[in-house]
Protein backbone atom coordinates (compact mmCIF):
# COMPACT_ATOMS: atom_id res chain seq x y z
CA UNK A 1 10.71 44.70 37.16
CA UNK A 2 11.62 42.28 34.37
CA UNK A 3 13.58 39.12 34.70
CA UNK A 4 16.72 39.45 32.56
CA UNK A 5 17.66 35.80 33.05
CA UNK A 6 15.18 34.52 30.48
CA UNK A 7 16.59 32.41 27.69
CA UNK A 8 14.99 32.74 24.30
CA UNK A 9 15.32 29.78 21.96
CA UNK A 10 15.37 30.13 18.24
CA UNK A 11 12.68 28.04 16.58
CA UNK A 12 13.85 24.88 14.87
CA UNK A 13 13.55 24.52 11.12
CA UNK A 14 10.43 22.43 11.67
CA UNK A 15 8.71 25.41 13.31
CA UNK A 16 9.49 27.99 10.63
CA UNK A 17 7.89 28.89 7.31
CA UNK A 18 11.02 27.82 5.42
CA UNK A 19 10.68 24.40 7.04
CA UNK A 20 7.11 24.17 5.76
CA UNK A 21 8.34 25.14 2.29
CA UNK A 22 11.02 22.43 2.43
CA UNK A 23 8.38 19.96 3.58
CA UNK A 24 6.16 20.75 0.60
CA UNK A 25 9.09 20.44 -1.81
CA UNK A 26 10.15 17.12 -0.29
CA UNK A 27 6.62 15.69 -0.37
CA UNK A 28 6.12 16.69 -4.02
CA UNK A 29 9.56 15.31 -4.94
CA UNK A 30 8.86 11.94 -3.33
CA UNK A 31 5.54 11.68 -5.15
CA UNK A 32 7.05 12.67 -8.51
CA UNK A 33 9.92 10.19 -8.17
CA UNK A 34 7.44 7.40 -7.42
CA UNK A 35 5.17 8.32 -10.33
CA UNK A 36 8.11 8.55 -12.74
CA UNK A 37 9.33 5.14 -11.65
CA UNK A 38 5.93 3.43 -11.91
CA UNK A 39 4.37 5.09 -14.96
CA UNK A 40 7.35 6.11 -17.08
CA UNK A 41 9.44 3.02 -16.24
CA UNK A 42 12.51 5.17 -15.67
CA UNK A 43 15.68 3.64 -14.35
CA UNK A 44 16.32 4.70 -10.79
CA UNK A 45 19.44 4.23 -8.71
CA UNK A 46 18.11 2.45 -5.62
CA UNK A 47 21.11 3.52 -3.54
CA UNK A 48 20.03 7.14 -3.84
CA UNK A 49 16.42 6.24 -3.03
CA UNK A 50 17.54 4.39 0.10
CA UNK A 51 19.01 7.69 1.29
CA UNK A 52 16.37 10.11 0.00
CA UNK A 53 13.15 8.36 0.99
CA UNK A 54 13.89 7.67 4.68
CA UNK A 55 15.43 11.12 5.12
CA UNK A 56 12.46 12.78 3.44
CA UNK A 57 9.94 10.78 5.44
CA UNK A 58 11.73 11.54 8.72
CA UNK A 59 11.79 15.26 7.86
CA UNK A 60 8.08 15.23 7.05
CA UNK A 61 7.31 13.33 10.26
CA UNK A 62 9.28 15.80 12.41
CA UNK A 63 7.60 18.69 10.59
CA UNK A 64 4.20 17.16 11.31
CA UNK A 65 5.00 16.67 15.01
CA UNK A 66 6.32 20.26 15.35
CA UNK A 67 3.25 21.73 13.64
CA UNK A 68 0.95 19.56 15.73
CA UNK A 69 2.20 21.14 18.99
């Protein structure tokens, strides 16, 4: 006899392969932006970086915590 009252959760994006792909893309992007700014002396809009860097770091942190479990 099976229990039909079980609830199955869908995995979050942090637990999927697409989440890992996004994490790799975000990590590479953050490194490239930093290298371009330091080495190539490119002009960067700091307003965009204030949005992108914390959001990217938070995504990578949540991805790390989800993969650690």
